[in-house]
């Protein structure tokens, strides 16, 4: 039995030595192949297109007599955490501002980028993102009526709306451009179905001023005043995701 253990020891020792020798004496080409095989394989990023609708504007339209609006949203995944985003919408609203009653109607678009800061677990595809948009609108104002502001005591009860004259009527072919900072999230509810919320901080860049009036409301931008060119808004979206390809990182 001792001889058997001795022979096993010698055979094991020489086998290990032989393996070490053959590894040291491998041809250069073989070593190169081993190094190449040890390189990490690049993972593929699944490209996808996600599109849907803003539920807030849709719901507000159903319950408001002075507002109607629709916004379609979409994003294209081009990198693991990078998305190209777009929103297309139209709004029509009637407002009373001091002595003026007016209706604004028009359409808008927003184009930008979202960056996902959330590290998903395996099998998850949720988003917590920051981004920006460049936006533009094309709209009209219709002055329905106005009330003269009389600060004298001669006409204390003069508050009858004026429905005709040069100050009323339509101001057409107006436009505005602005920049948005976006923060939000998208959560997967079901397979390829997402519920999302995003908050917007807007900065007006330029707008065409209507004759004898102002852009008090801009579709897609919301309220605007002479003293403040900042605005805000949000959307509450329901979207569907279509994965269609993969791309190497």
C-alpha atoms as a PDB file:
ATOM      1  CA  UNK A   1       0.000   0.000   0.000  1.00  0.00           C
ATOM      2  CA  UNK A   2       2.916   2.348   0.795  1.00  0.00           C
ATOM      3  CA  UNK A   3       4.420   1.676  -2.637  1.00  0.00           C
ATOM      4  CA  UNK A   4       1.086   2.465  -4.286  1.00  0.00           C
ATOM      5  CA  UNK A   5       0.847   5.799  -2.486  1.00  0.00           C
ATOM      6  CA  UNK A   6       4.444   6.556  -3.456  1.00  0.00           C
ATOM      7  CA  UNK A   7       3.766   5.879  -7.136  1.00  0.00           C
ATOM      8  CA  UNK A   8       0.586   7.987  -7.023  1.00  0.00           C
ATOM      9  CA  UNK A   9       2.590  10.835  -5.500  1.00  0.00           C
ATOM     10  CA  UNK A  10       5.277  10.640  -8.191  1.00  0.00           C
ATOM     11  CA  UNK A  11       2.748  10.412 -11.025  1.00  0.00           C
ATOM     12  CA  UNK A  12       0.817  13.450  -9.676  1.00  0.00           C
ATOM     13  CA  UNK A  13       4.019  15.457  -9.248  1.00  0.00           C
ATOM     14  CA  UNK A  14       5.255  14.747 -12.765  1.00  0.00           C
ATOM     15  CA  UNK A  15       1.788  15.374 -14.256  1.00  0.00           C
ATOM     16  CA  UNK A  16       1.614  18.852 -12.682  1.00  0.00           C
ATOM     17  CA  UNK A  17       5.138  19.586 -13.820  1.00  0.00           C
ATOM     18  CA  UNK A  18       4.342  18.465 -17.356  1.00  0.00           C
ATOM     19  CA  UNK A  19       1.214  20.658 -17.536  1.00  0.00           C
ATOM     20  CA  UNK A  20       3.210  23.657 -16.352  1.00  0.00           C
ATOM     21  CA  UNK A  21       5.906  22.952 -18.915  1.00  0.00           C
ATOM     22  CA  UNK A  22       3.447  22.651 -21.805  1.00  0.00           C
ATOM     23  CA  UNK A  23       1.788  25.965 -20.816  1.00  0.00           C
ATOM     24  CA  UNK A  24       5.153  27.711 -20.833  1.00  0.00           C
ATOM     25  CA  UNK A  25       6.142  26.187 -24.156  1.00  0.00           C
ATOM     26  CA  UNK A  26       2.895  26.863 -26.050  1.00  0.00           C
ATOM     27  CA  UNK A  27       3.411  28.420 -29.484  1.00  0.00           C
ATOM     28  CA  UNK A  28       2.942  32.194 -29.699  1.00  0.00           C
ATOM     29  CA  UNK A  29      -0.122  31.762 -31.889  1.00  0.00           C
ATOM     30  CA  UNK A  30      -1.793  29.527 -29.321  1.00  0.00           C
ATOM     31  CA  UNK A  31      -1.140  32.028 -26.527  1.00  0.00           C
ATOM     32  CA  UNK A  32      -2.598  34.802 -28.648  1.00  0.00           C
ATOM     33  CA  UNK A  33      -5.727  32.771 -29.246  1.00  0.00           C
ATOM     34  CA  UNK A  34      -6.151  32.237 -25.501  1.00  0.00           C
ATOM     35  CA  UNK A  35      -5.798  35.964 -24.866  1.00  0.00           C
ATOM     36  CA  UNK A  36      -8.315  36.800 -27.554  1.00  0.00           C
ATOM     37  CA  UNK A  37     -10.777  34.274 -26.197  1.00  0.00           C
ATOM     38  CA  UNK A  38     -10.495  35.819 -22.729  1.00  0.00           C
ATOM     39  CA  UNK A  39     -11.724  39.241 -23.898  1.00  0.00           C
ATOM     40  CA  UNK A  40     -15.158  40.210 -22.491  1.00  0.00           C
ATOM     41  CA  UNK A  41     -18.045  39.923 -24.906  1.00  0.00           C
ATOM     42  CA  UNK A  42     -19.833  43.220 -25.547  1.00  0.00           C
ATOM     43  CA  UNK A  43     -23.443  43.140 -24.456  1.00  0.00           C
ATOM     44  CA  UNK A  44     -26.151  44.194 -26.875  1.00  0.00           C
ATOM     45  CA  UNK A  45     -28.531  47.010 -26.022  1.00  0.00           C
ATOM     46  CA  UNK A  46     -32.137  46.230 -26.981  1.00  0.00           C
ATOM     47  CA  UNK A  47     -33.463  49.064 -29.135  1.00  0.00           C
ATOM     48  CA  UNK A  48     -37.114  49.881 -28.564  1.00  0.00           C
ATOM     49  CA  UNK A  49     -39.829  52.349 -29.504  1.00  0.00           C
ATOM     50  CA  UNK A  50     -42.284  53.481 -26.844  1.00  0.00           C
ATOM     51  CA  UNK A  51     -45.382  55.542 -27.669  1.00  0.00           C
ATOM     52  CA  UNK A  52     -48.553  56.586 -25.889  1.00  0.00           C
ATOM     53  CA  UNK A  53     -50.780  59.399 -24.667  1.00  0.00           C
ATOM     54  CA  UNK A  54     -50.958  61.999 -21.903  1.00  0.00           C
ATOM     55  CA  UNK A  55     -53.774  60.952 -19.582  1.00  0.00           C
ATOM     56  CA  UNK A  56     -53.973  64.331 -17.822  1.00  0.00           C
ATOM     57  CA  UNK A  57     -54.951  66.333 -20.914  1.00  0.00           C
ATOM     58  CA  UNK A  58     -57.348  63.603 -21.980  1.00  0.00           C
ATOM     59  CA  UNK A  59     -59.069  63.599 -18.572  1.00  0.00           C
ATOM     60  CA  UNK A  60     -59.157  67.385 -18.312  1.00  0.00           C
ATOM     61  CA  UNK A  61     -60.863  67.562 -21.709  1.00  0.00           C
ATOM     62  CA  UNK A  62     -63.652  65.296 -20.474  1.00  0.00           C
ATOM     63  CA  UNK A  63     -64.371  67.323 -17.328  1.00  0.00           C
ATOM     64  CA  UNK A  64     -63.774  70.923 -18.461  1.00  0.00           C
ATOM     65  CA  UNK A  65     -66.032  73.133 -20.569  1.00  0.00           C
ATOM     66  CA  UNK A  66     -63.266  75.661 -21.260  1.00  0.00           C
ATOM     67  CA  UNK A  67     -60.448  73.312 -22.276  1.00  0.00           C
ATOM     68  CA  UNK A  68     -59.689  70.627 -24.840  1.00  0.00           C
ATOM     69  CA  UNK A  69     -56.305  69.085 -25.505  1.00  0.00           C
ATOM     70  CA  UNK A  70     -54.415  66.023 -26.652  1.00  0.00           C
ATOM     71  CA  UNK A  71     -50.746  65.084 -26.345  1.00  0.00           C
ATOM     72  CA  UNK A  72     -49.014  62.101 -27.958  1.00  0.00           C
ATOM     73  CA  UNK A  73     -45.665  61.014 -26.518  1.00  0.00           C
ATOM     74  CA  UNK A  74     -42.889  58.724 -27.693  1.00  0.00           C
ATOM     75  CA  UNK A  75     -39.267  57.817 -27.082  1.00  0.00           C
ATOM     76  CA  UNK A  76     -36.655  55.771 -28.928  1.00  0.00           C
ATOM     77  CA  UNK A  77     -34.039  53.875 -26.934  1.00  0.00           C
ATOM     78  CA  UNK A  78     -30.661  54.313 -28.658  1.00  0.00           C
ATOM     79  CA  UNK A  79     -28.296  53.356 -25.805  1.00  0.00           C
ATOM     80  CA  UNK A  80     -28.622  51.428 -22.562  1.00  0.00           C
ATOM     81  CA  UNK A  81     -29.634  54.587 -20.672  1.00  0.00           C
ATOM     82  CA  UNK A  82     -30.230  57.122 -23.463  1.00  0.00           C
ATOM     83  CA  UNK A  83     -33.576  57.901 -25.106  1.00  0.00           C
ATOM     84  CA  UNK A  84     -34.616  60.282 -27.877  1.00  0.00           C
ATOM     85  CA  UNK A  85     -37.974  61.774 -26.863  1.00  0.00           C
ATOM     86  CA  UNK A  86     -40.762  63.637 -28.651  1.00  0.00           C
ATOM     87  CA  UNK A  87     -44.170  65.056 -27.722  1.00  0.00           C
ATOM     88  CA  UNK A  88     -46.816  66.318 -30.152  1.00  0.00           C
ATOM     89  CA  UNK A  89     -49.939  68.082 -28.948  1.00  0.00           C
ATOM     90  CA  UNK A  90     -52.690  70.619 -29.418  1.00  0.00           C
ATOM     91  CA  UNK A  91     -54.669  72.692 -26.930  1.00  0.00           C
ATOM     92  CA  UNK A  92     -57.648  75.031 -26.937  1.00  0.00           C
ATOM     93  CA  UNK A  93     -58.664  76.989 -23.868  1.00  0.00           C
ATOM     94  CA  UNK A  94     -60.859  79.958 -22.967  1.00  0.00           C
ATOM     95  CA  UNK A  95     -59.690  82.207 -20.128  1.00  0.00           C
ATOM     96  CA  UNK A  96     -60.720  85.354 -18.324  1.00  0.00           C
ATOM     97  CA  UNK A  97     -57.732  87.617 -17.643  1.00  0.00           C
ATOM     98  CA  UNK A  98     -58.556  90.805 -15.745  1.00  0.00           C
ATOM     99  CA  UNK A  99     -60.898  92.659 -18.143  1.00  0.00           C
ATOM    100  CA  UNK A 100     -60.334  90.388 -21.179  1.00  0.00           C
ATOM    101  CA  UNK A 101     -61.983  87.114 -22.173  1.00  0.00           C
ATOM    102  CA  UNK A 102     -60.027  85.253 -24.846  1.00  0.00           C
ATOM    103  CA  UNK A 103     -59.643  81.846 -26.487  1.00  0.00           C
ATOM    104  CA  UNK A 104     -56.251  80.398 -27.445  1.00  0.00           C
ATOM    105  CA  UNK A 105     -55.868  77.432 -29.777  1.00  0.00           C
ATOM    106  CA  UNK A 106     -52.836  75.872 -31.399  1.00  0.00           C
ATOM    107  CA  UNK A 107     -50.410  72.976 -31.687  1.00  0.00           C
ATOM    108  CA  UNK A 108     -46.886  72.324 -30.447  1.00  0.00           C
ATOM    109  CA  UNK A 109     -44.001  69.869 -30.566  1.00  0.00           C
ATOM    110  CA  UNK A 110     -41.143  69.072 -28.186  1.00  0.00           C
ATOM    111  CA  UNK A 111     -37.944  67.187 -29.063  1.00  0.00           C
ATOM    112  CA  UNK A 112     -35.126  66.212 -26.717  1.00  0.00           C
ATOM    113  CA  UNK A 113     -33.221  63.573 -24.766  1.00  0.00           C
ATOM    114  CA  UNK A 114     -33.898  61.597 -21.574  1.00  0.00           C
ATOM    115  CA  UNK A 115     -31.142  59.899 -19.551  1.00  0.00           C
ATOM    116  CA  UNK A 116     -32.133  57.011 -17.268  1.00  0.00           C
ATOM    117  CA  UNK A 117     -30.355  57.218 -13.904  1.00  0.00           C
ATOM    118  CA  UNK A 118     -31.928  54.071 -12.473  1.00  0.00           C
ATOM    119  CA  UNK A 119     -30.011  50.770 -12.407  1.00  0.00           C
ATOM    120  CA  UNK A 120     -32.595  48.078 -13.036  1.00  0.00           C
ATOM    121  CA  UNK A 121     -32.454  44.611 -11.579  1.00  0.00           C
ATOM    122  CA  UNK A 122     -32.364  41.777 -14.054  1.00  0.00           C
ATOM    123  CA  UNK A 123     -35.660  41.516 -15.894  1.00  0.00           C
ATOM    124  CA  UNK A 124     -36.777  45.064 -14.987  1.00  0.00           C
ATOM    125  CA  UNK A 125     -37.016  48.018 -17.355  1.00  0.00           C
ATOM    126  CA  UNK A 126     -38.074  51.027 -15.253  1.00  0.00           C
ATOM    127  CA  UNK A 127     -36.887  54.610 -15.768  1.00  0.00           C
ATOM    128  CA  UNK A 128     -35.980  57.481 -13.457  1.00  0.00           C
ATOM    129  CA  UNK A 129     -34.768  60.100 -15.879  1.00  0.00           C
ATOM    130  CA  UNK A 130     -33.506  63.633 -16.372  1.00  0.00           C
ATOM    131  CA  UNK A 131     -33.636  65.357 -19.724  1.00  0.00           C
ATOM    132  CA  UNK A 132     -34.390  68.418 -21.784  1.00  0.00           C
ATOM    133  CA  UNK A 133     -36.649  69.538 -24.630  1.00  0.00           C
ATOM    134  CA  UNK A 134     -36.543  72.155 -27.358  1.00  0.00           C
ATOM    135  CA  UNK A 135     -40.157  73.180 -28.012  1.00  0.00           C
ATOM    136  CA  UNK A 136     -42.144  75.304 -30.442  1.00  0.00           C
ATOM    137  CA  UNK A 137     -45.805  76.243 -30.837  1.00  0.00           C
ATOM    138  CA  UNK A 138     -48.036  77.691 -33.547  1.00  0.00           C
ATOM    139  CA  UNK A 139     -51.212  79.298 -32.209  1.00  0.00           C
ATOM    140  CA  UNK A 140     -53.974  81.900 -32.514  1.00  0.00           C
ATOM    141  CA  UNK A 141     -55.724  84.177 -30.026  1.00  0.00           C
ATOM    142  CA  UNK A 142     -59.376  85.178 -30.307  1.00  0.00           C
ATOM    143  CA  UNK A 143     -60.439  88.182 -28.190  1.00  0.00           C
ATOM    144  CA  UNK A 144     -64.035  87.372 -27.287  1.00  0.00           C
ATOM    145  CA  UNK A 145     -64.812  90.496 -25.258  1.00  0.00           C
ATOM    146  CA  UNK A 146     -63.300  92.991 -22.869  1.00  0.00           C
ATOM    147  CA  UNK A 147     -64.375  95.381 -20.149  1.00  0.00           C
ATOM    148  CA  UNK A 148     -63.123  98.964 -19.975  1.00  0.00           C
ATOM    149  CA  UNK A 149     -61.183  99.811 -16.843  1.00  0.00           C
ATOM    150  CA  UNK A 150     -62.620 103.077 -15.510  1.00  0.00           C
ATOM    151  CA  UNK A 151     -60.946 104.460 -12.399  1.00  0.00           C
ATOM    152  CA  UNK A 152     -63.092 107.628 -12.269  1.00  0.00           C
ATOM    153  CA  UNK A 153     -66.232 107.965 -10.097  1.00  0.00           C
ATOM    154  CA  UNK A 154     -68.432 108.978 -13.044  1.00  0.00           C
ATOM    155  CA  UNK A 155     -69.233 105.409 -14.167  1.00  0.00           C
ATOM    156  CA  UNK A 156     -69.112 103.324 -10.993  1.00  0.00           C
ATOM    157  CA  UNK A 157     -71.096 100.394 -12.439  1.00  0.00           C
ATOM    158  CA  UNK A 158     -69.713 100.349 -15.964  1.00  0.00           C
ATOM    159  CA  UNK A 159     -68.786  96.663 -16.335  1.00  0.00           C
ATOM    160  CA  UNK A 160     -70.654  95.641 -19.500  1.00  0.00           C
ATOM    161  CA  UNK A 161     -68.441  93.487 -21.769  1.00  0.00           C
ATOM    162  CA  UNK A 162     -67.649  94.955 -25.198  1.00  0.00           C
ATOM    163  CA  UNK A 163     -68.035  92.280 -27.868  1.00  0.00           C
ATOM    164  CA  UNK A 164     -67.130  94.226 -31.010  1.00  0.00           C
ATOM    165  CA  UNK A 165     -64.638  96.778 -32.241  1.00  0.00           C
ATOM    166  CA  UNK A 166     -61.009  96.941 -33.278  1.00  0.00           C
ATOM    167  CA  UNK A 167     -59.803  95.423 -29.993  1.00  0.00           C
ATOM    168  CA  UNK A 168     -61.758  92.193 -30.465  1.00  0.00           C
ATOM    169  CA  UNK A 169     -61.253  89.504 -33.096  1.00  0.00           C
ATOM    170  CA  UNK A 170     -58.516  87.039 -33.982  1.00  0.00           C
ATOM    171  CA  UNK A 171     -54.738  87.389 -33.729  1.00  0.00           C
ATOM    172  CA  UNK A 172     -53.423  84.673 -36.036  1.00  0.00           C
ATOM    173  CA  UNK A 173     -50.099  83.139 -37.144  1.00  0.00           C
ATOM    174  CA  UNK A 174     -48.375  83.431 -33.770  1.00  0.00           C
ATOM    175  CA  UNK A 175     -45.517  81.255 -32.553  1.00  0.00           C
ATOM    176  CA  UNK A 176     -43.267  80.718 -29.554  1.00  0.00           C
ATOM    177  CA  UNK A 177     -40.086  78.794 -28.770  1.00  0.00           C
ATOM    178  CA  UNK A 178     -38.878  77.613 -25.375  1.00  0.00           C
ATOM    179  CA  UNK A 179     -36.550  75.246 -23.499  1.00  0.00           C
ATOM    180  CA  UNK A 180     -37.614  72.648 -20.930  1.00  0.00           C
ATOM    181  CA  UNK A 181     -35.786  70.782 -18.173  1.00  0.00           C
ATOM    182  CA  UNK A 182     -37.503  67.440 -17.564  1.00  0.00           C
ATOM    183  CA  UNK A 183     -37.494  65.093 -14.566  1.00  0.00           C
ATOM    184  CA  UNK A 184     -39.692  62.025 -14.303  1.00  0.00           C
ATOM    185  CA  UNK A 185     -40.115  58.282 -14.165  1.00  0.00           C
ATOM    186  CA  UNK A 186     -41.733  55.406 -16.064  1.00  0.00           C
ATOM    187  CA  UNK A 187     -42.840  52.230 -14.283  1.00  0.00           C
ATOM    188  CA  UNK A 188     -43.674  48.968 -16.039  1.00  0.00           C
ATOM    189  CA  UNK A 189     -47.201  47.912 -15.066  1.00  0.00           C
ATOM    190  CA  UNK A 190     -47.631  44.930 -17.378  1.00  0.00           C
ATOM    191  CA  UNK A 191     -45.616  43.398 -20.173  1.00  0.00           C
ATOM    192  CA  UNK A 192     -44.505  46.371 -22.360  1.00  0.00           C
ATOM    193  CA  UNK A 193     -47.060  48.735 -20.742  1.00  0.00           C
ATOM    194  CA  UNK A 194     -45.721  51.723 -18.761  1.00  0.00           C
ATOM    195  CA  UNK A 195     -47.181  54.442 -16.560  1.00  0.00           C
ATOM    196  CA  UNK A 196     -45.144  57.634 -16.366  1.00  0.00           C
ATOM    197  CA  UNK A 197     -45.011  61.080 -14.796  1.00  0.00           C
ATOM    198  CA  UNK A 198     -42.761  63.981 -15.775  1.00  0.00           C
ATOM    199  CA  UNK A 199     -42.362  67.503 -14.383  1.00  0.00           C
ATOM    200  CA  UNK A 200     -41.313  70.412 -16.616  1.00  0.00           C
ATOM    201  CA  UNK A 201     -39.525  73.702 -15.913  1.00  0.00           C
ATOM    202  CA  UNK A 202     -39.909  75.965 -18.956  1.00  0.00           C
ATOM    203  CA  UNK A 203     -37.932  79.012 -20.088  1.00  0.00           C
ATOM    204  CA  UNK A 204     -39.399  81.075 -22.915  1.00  0.00           C
ATOM    205  CA  UNK A 205     -36.807  81.913 -25.582  1.00  0.00           C
ATOM    206  CA  UNK A 206     -38.874  83.962 -28.042  1.00  0.00           C
ATOM    207  CA  UNK A 207     -42.480  84.623 -29.048  1.00  0.00           C
ATOM    208  CA  UNK A 208     -44.332  86.742 -31.593  1.00  0.00           C
ATOM    209  CA  UNK A 209     -46.440  89.388 -29.834  1.00  0.00           C
ATOM    210  CA  UNK A 210     -50.001  89.859 -31.163  1.00  0.00           C
ATOM    211  CA  UNK A 211     -51.315  93.338 -31.952  1.00  0.00           C
ATOM    212  CA  UNK A 212     -52.753  95.142 -28.931  1.00  0.00           C
ATOM    213  CA  UNK A 213     -52.514  91.959 -26.841  1.00  0.00           C
ATOM    214  CA  UNK A 214     -49.990  89.476 -25.424  1.00  0.00           C
ATOM    215  CA  UNK A 215     -49.331  85.737 -25.270  1.00  0.00           C
ATOM    216  CA  UNK A 216     -50.929  85.199 -21.882  1.00  0.00           C
ATOM    217  CA  UNK A 217     -51.330  81.489 -22.634  1.00  0.00           C
ATOM    218  CA  UNK A 218     -49.124  79.461 -25.025  1.00  0.00           C
ATOM    219  CA  UNK A 219     -50.108  75.887 -25.990  1.00  0.00           C
ATOM    220  CA  UNK A 220     -47.573  73.469 -24.518  1.00  0.00           C
ATOM    221  CA  UNK A 221     -45.941  76.186 -22.405  1.00  0.00           C
ATOM    222  CA  UNK A 222     -48.946  77.269 -20.268  1.00  0.00           C
ATOM    223  CA  UNK A 223     -49.132  80.686 -18.563  1.00  0.00           C
ATOM    224  CA  UNK A 224     -46.826  83.540 -19.495  1.00  0.00           C
ATOM    225  CA  UNK A 225     -46.511  87.074 -18.095  1.00  0.00           C
ATOM    226  CA  UNK A 226     -44.503  90.185 -18.960  1.00  0.00           C
ATOM    227  CA  UNK A 227     -42.468  89.976 -15.763  1.00  0.00           C
ATOM    228  CA  UNK A 228     -41.747  86.251 -15.810  1.00  0.00           C
ATOM    229  CA  UNK A 229     -40.715  84.134 -18.781  1.00  0.00           C
ATOM    230  CA  UNK A 230     -40.520  80.933 -16.753  1.00  0.00           C
ATOM    231  CA  UNK A 231     -43.336  78.408 -16.760  1.00  0.00           C
ATOM    232  CA  UNK A 232     -44.064  74.885 -15.673  1.00  0.00           C
ATOM    233  CA  UNK A 233     -46.132  71.852 -16.421  1.00  0.00           C
ATOM    234  CA  UNK A 234     -46.363  68.090 -16.251  1.00  0.00           C
ATOM    235  CA  UNK A 235     -47.768  65.087 -18.064  1.00  0.00           C
ATOM    236  CA  UNK A 236     -49.096  61.750 -16.856  1.00  0.00           C
ATOM    237  CA  UNK A 237     -48.562  59.158 -19.555  1.00  0.00           C
ATOM    238  CA  UNK A 238     -49.611  55.656 -20.516  1.00  0.00           C
ATOM    239  CA  UNK A 239     -47.261  54.126 -23.097  1.00  0.00           C
ATOM    240  CA  UNK A 240     -46.633  50.861 -24.932  1.00  0.00           C
ATOM    241  CA  UNK A 241     -43.124  49.585 -25.677  1.00  0.00           C
ATOM    242  CA  UNK A 242     -42.135  47.798 -28.911  1.00  0.00           C
ATOM    243  CA  UNK A 243     -38.668  46.128 -28.805  1.00  0.00           C
ATOM    244  CA  UNK A 244     -37.461  45.667 -32.356  1.00  0.00           C
ATOM    245  CA  UNK A 245     -33.651  45.265 -32.502  1.00  0.00           C
ATOM    246  CA  UNK A 246     -30.397  44.995 -30.578  1.00  0.00           C
ATOM    247  CA  UNK A 247     -27.280  47.101 -30.835  1.00  0.00           C
ATOM    248  CA  UNK A 248     -23.786  46.544 -29.429  1.00  0.00           C
ATOM    249  CA  UNK A 249     -22.721  48.997 -26.723  1.00  0.00           C
END
